[in-house]
Amino acid sequence: GVETIGDTWVQFRAQYYLIGLIFLIFDVEVIFLFPIALAFDQLSLFAVLTTMTFVVILLLGLALEWRKGALEWK
């Protein structure tokens, strides 16, 4: 191994973990939307409406986090 220089324990702010968790949630949701985007022209009306509902719920969640100030780095 490599000899450490300085303090080996670094304390992260709790907000760092919150931003990471929000990123992880929205990143997984985008992975769910990718196959739908590939087959969008073959989807039924019900599937399109379900997808739009899913996207609206995601946008509402993002708006809530933004309004609460969770995306602001203080």
N, C-alpha and C. Protein backbone atom coordinates (compact mmCIF):
# COMPACT_ATOMS: atom_id res chain seq x y z
N GLY A 1 0.80 -1.17 0.00
CA GLY A 1 0.00 0.00 0.00
C GLY A 1 0.85 1.25 0.00
N VAL A 2 0.20 2.34 -0.03
CA VAL A 2 0.83 3.65 -0.06
C VAL A 2 0.69 4.27 1.32
N GLU A 3 1.75 4.87 1.79
CA GLU A 3 1.71 5.56 3.07
C GLU A 3 0.78 6.77 2.98
N THR A 4 -0.08 6.92 3.98
CA THR A 4 -1.01 8.04 3.98
C THR A 4 -0.32 9.30 4.47
N ILE A 5 -0.77 10.41 3.93
CA ILE A 5 -0.27 11.71 4.35
C ILE A 5 -1.45 12.49 4.91
N GLY A 6 -1.35 12.95 6.11
CA GLY A 6 -2.43 13.71 6.71
C GLY A 6 -3.45 12.80 7.39
N ASP A 7 -4.62 13.35 7.59
CA ASP A 7 -5.69 12.64 8.27
C ASP A 7 -6.30 11.59 7.34
N THR A 8 -6.49 10.38 7.84
CA THR A 8 -7.05 9.31 7.01
C THR A 8 -8.56 9.22 7.12
N TRP A 9 -9.16 9.96 8.00
CA TRP A 9 -10.61 9.94 8.16
C TRP A 9 -11.16 11.30 7.76
N VAL A 10 -12.03 11.30 6.76
CA VAL A 10 -12.61 12.54 6.27
C VAL A 10 -14.11 12.51 6.54
N GLN A 11 -14.61 13.55 7.15
CA GLN A 11 -16.03 13.62 7.45
C GLN A 11 -16.75 14.37 6.33
N PHE A 12 -17.75 13.72 5.73
CA PHE A 12 -18.55 14.34 4.69
C PHE A 12 -19.79 14.96 5.30
N ARG A 13 -20.27 16.01 4.69
CA ARG A 13 -21.51 16.63 5.15
C ARG A 13 -22.68 15.71 4.81
N ALA A 14 -23.72 15.77 5.61
CA ALA A 14 -24.91 14.95 5.38
C ALA A 14 -25.58 15.31 4.06
N GLN A 15 -25.43 16.55 3.64
CA GLN A 15 -26.05 16.98 2.39
C GLN A 15 -25.42 16.27 1.19
N TYR A 16 -24.16 15.90 1.29
CA TYR A 16 -23.51 15.14 0.23
C TYR A 16 -24.24 13.82 0.00
N TYR A 17 -24.61 13.15 1.07
CA TYR A 17 -25.32 11.88 0.96
C TYR A 17 -26.73 12.08 0.41
N LEU A 18 -27.38 13.18 0.77
CA LEU A 18 -28.71 13.47 0.26
C LEU A 18 -28.68 13.71 -1.25
N ILE A 19 -27.71 14.49 -1.71
CA ILE A 19 -27.57 14.72 -3.15
C ILE A 19 -27.26 13.41 -3.86
N GLY A 20 -26.41 12.59 -3.28
CA GLY A 20 -26.09 11.29 -3.87
C GLY A 20 -27.30 10.38 -3.95
N LEU A 21 -28.13 10.39 -2.92
CA LEU A 21 -29.33 9.56 -2.91
C LEU A 21 -30.34 10.04 -3.95
N ILE A 22 -30.52 11.35 -4.05
CA ILE A 22 -31.43 11.90 -5.06
C ILE A 22 -30.93 11.54 -6.45
N PHE A 23 -29.62 11.67 -6.68
CA PHE A 23 -29.06 11.31 -7.98
C PHE A 23 -29.30 9.84 -8.28
N LEU A 24 -29.09 8.98 -7.31
CA LEU A 24 -29.26 7.55 -7.51
C LEU A 24 -30.71 7.21 -7.86
N ILE A 25 -31.65 7.82 -7.17
CA ILE A 25 -33.07 7.57 -7.44
C ILE A 25 -33.43 7.98 -8.86
N PHE A 26 -33.04 9.18 -9.27
CA PHE A 26 -33.40 9.64 -10.60
C PHE A 26 -32.61 8.91 -11.68
N ASP A 27 -31.42 8.46 -11.38
CA ASP A 27 -30.64 7.69 -12.35
C ASP A 27 -31.30 6.34 -12.61
N VAL A 28 -31.78 5.69 -11.58
CA VAL A 28 -32.47 4.40 -11.75
C VAL A 28 -33.77 4.61 -12.53
N GLU A 29 -34.46 5.71 -12.30
CA GLU A 29 -35.69 5.98 -13.03
C GLU A 29 -35.41 6.19 -14.51
N VAL A 30 -34.31 6.82 -14.84
CA VAL A 30 -33.95 7.00 -16.25
C VAL A 30 -33.65 5.65 -16.90
N ILE A 31 -33.05 4.75 -16.15
CA ILE A 31 -32.79 3.41 -16.68
C ILE A 31 -34.11 2.70 -16.99
N PHE A 32 -35.14 2.93 -16.18
CA PHE A 32 -36.46 2.35 -16.46
C PHE A 32 -37.08 2.96 -17.72
N LEU A 33 -36.79 4.21 -18.00
CA LEU A 33 -37.38 4.87 -19.16
C LEU A 33 -36.66 4.54 -20.47
N PHE A 34 -35.44 4.07 -20.41
CA PHE A 34 -34.67 3.81 -21.62
C PHE A 34 -35.32 2.77 -22.54
N PRO A 35 -35.75 1.60 -22.04
CA PRO A 35 -36.41 0.64 -22.94
C PRO A 35 -37.72 1.17 -23.52
N ILE A 36 -38.42 2.00 -22.76
CA ILE A 36 -39.66 2.57 -23.26
C ILE A 36 -39.36 3.52 -24.42
N ALA A 37 -38.29 4.27 -24.31
CA ALA A 37 -37.92 5.18 -25.39
C ALA A 37 -37.53 4.42 -26.66
N LEU A 38 -36.92 3.27 -26.50
CA LEU A 38 -36.52 2.48 -27.66
C LEU A 38 -37.72 1.90 -28.41
N ALA A 39 -38.76 1.55 -27.69
CA ALA A 39 -39.93 0.92 -28.30
C ALA A 39 -41.15 1.84 -28.30
N PHE A 40 -40.93 3.14 -28.28
CA PHE A 40 -42.03 4.09 -28.12
C PHE A 40 -43.04 4.00 -29.26
N ASP A 41 -42.58 3.76 -30.48
CA ASP A 41 -43.50 3.71 -31.62
C ASP A 41 -44.36 2.45 -31.63
N GLN A 42 -44.02 1.46 -30.83
CA GLN A 42 -44.77 0.20 -30.78
C GLN A 42 -45.66 0.09 -29.54
N LEU A 43 -45.69 1.11 -28.71
CA LEU A 43 -46.45 1.06 -27.47
C LEU A 43 -47.92 1.36 -27.70
N SER A 44 -48.75 0.79 -26.85
CA SER A 44 -50.18 1.08 -26.90
C SER A 44 -50.45 2.42 -26.21
N LEU A 45 -51.66 2.90 -26.35
CA LEU A 45 -52.04 4.15 -25.72
C LEU A 45 -51.95 4.05 -24.20
N PHE A 46 -52.33 2.92 -23.65
CA PHE A 46 -52.24 2.71 -22.20
C PHE A 46 -50.79 2.80 -21.72
N ALA A 47 -49.87 2.20 -22.47
CA ALA A 47 -48.46 2.24 -22.09
C ALA A 47 -47.91 3.66 -22.17
N VAL A 48 -48.33 4.41 -23.17
CA VAL A 48 -47.87 5.80 -23.30
C VAL A 48 -48.41 6.64 -22.14
N LEU A 49 -49.68 6.47 -21.80
CA LEU A 49 -50.25 7.22 -20.68
C LEU A 49 -49.61 6.83 -19.36
N THR A 50 -49.32 5.56 -19.19
CA THR A 50 -48.63 5.10 -17.98
C THR A 50 -47.24 5.70 -17.89
N THR A 51 -46.55 5.75 -19.01
CA THR A 51 -45.21 6.34 -19.03
C THR A 51 -45.27 7.83 -18.72
N MET A 52 -46.24 8.52 -19.28
CA MET A 52 -46.39 9.95 -19.00
C MET A 52 -46.72 10.19 -17.53
N THR A 53 -47.54 9.34 -16.95
CA THR A 53 -47.84 9.44 -15.52
C THR A 53 -46.58 9.25 -14.69
N PHE A 54 -45.77 8.28 -15.08
CA PHE A 54 -44.50 8.01 -14.41
C PHE A 54 -43.58 9.23 -14.47
N VAL A 55 -43.49 9.84 -15.64
CA VAL A 55 -42.63 11.02 -15.81
C VAL A 55 -43.17 12.20 -15.00
N VAL A 56 -44.48 12.37 -14.96
CA VAL A 56 -45.06 13.45 -14.17
C VAL A 56 -44.77 13.25 -12.68
N ILE A 57 -44.86 12.02 -12.20
CA ILE A 57 -44.54 11.74 -10.80
C ILE A 57 -43.07 12.06 -10.52
N LEU A 58 -42.19 11.72 -11.46
CA LEU A 58 -40.77 12.06 -11.30
C LEU A 58 -40.56 13.56 -11.24
N LEU A 59 -41.23 14.29 -12.13
CA LEU A 59 -41.09 15.74 -12.15
C LEU A 59 -41.65 16.37 -10.88
N LEU A 60 -42.74 15.83 -10.36
CA LEU A 60 -43.28 16.33 -9.10
C LEU A 60 -42.30 16.08 -7.95
N GLY A 61 -41.66 14.92 -7.96
CA GLY A 61 -40.65 14.64 -6.94
C GLY A 61 -39.47 15.58 -7.03
N LEU A 62 -39.03 15.86 -8.25
CA LEU A 62 -37.93 16.81 -8.45
C LEU A 62 -38.33 18.21 -8.00
N ALA A 63 -39.56 18.62 -8.33
CA ALA A 63 -40.04 19.94 -7.91
C ALA A 63 -40.12 20.03 -6.39
N LEU A 64 -40.54 18.96 -5.74
CA LEU A 64 -40.62 18.95 -4.28
C LEU A 64 -39.23 19.09 -3.66
N GLU A 65 -38.27 18.34 -4.19
CA GLU A 65 -36.90 18.44 -3.67
C GLU A 65 -36.33 19.83 -3.91
N TRP A 66 -36.62 20.40 -5.05
CA TRP A 66 -36.14 21.73 -5.38
C TRP A 66 -36.76 22.76 -4.43
N ARG A 67 -38.08 22.64 -4.22
CA ARG A 67 -38.79 23.59 -3.35
C ARG A 67 -38.32 23.49 -1.90
N LYS A 68 -38.02 22.27 -1.44
CA LYS A 68 -37.55 22.09 -0.07
C LYS A 68 -36.11 22.59 0.11
N GLY A 69 -35.43 22.84 -1.01
CA GLY A 69 -34.05 23.33 -0.93
C GLY A 69 -33.03 22.22 -0.81
N ALA A 70 -33.44 20.99 -1.09
CA ALA A 70 -32.52 19.86 -0.97
C ALA A 70 -31.44 19.88 -2.04
N LEU A 71 -31.68 20.61 -3.12
CA LEU A 71 -30.70 20.67 -4.20
C LEU A 71 -29.72 21.82 -4.04
N GLU A 72 -29.93 22.66 -3.03
CA GLU A 72 -29.03 23.79 -2.78
C GLU A 72 -27.85 23.33 -1.93
N TRP A 73 -26.66 23.69 -2.35
CA TRP A 73 -25.46 23.35 -1.59
C TRP A 73 -25.10 24.55 -0.74
N LYS A 74 -25.23 24.38 0.57
CA LYS A 74 -25.00 25.51 1.49
C LYS A 74 -23.66 25.40 2.16
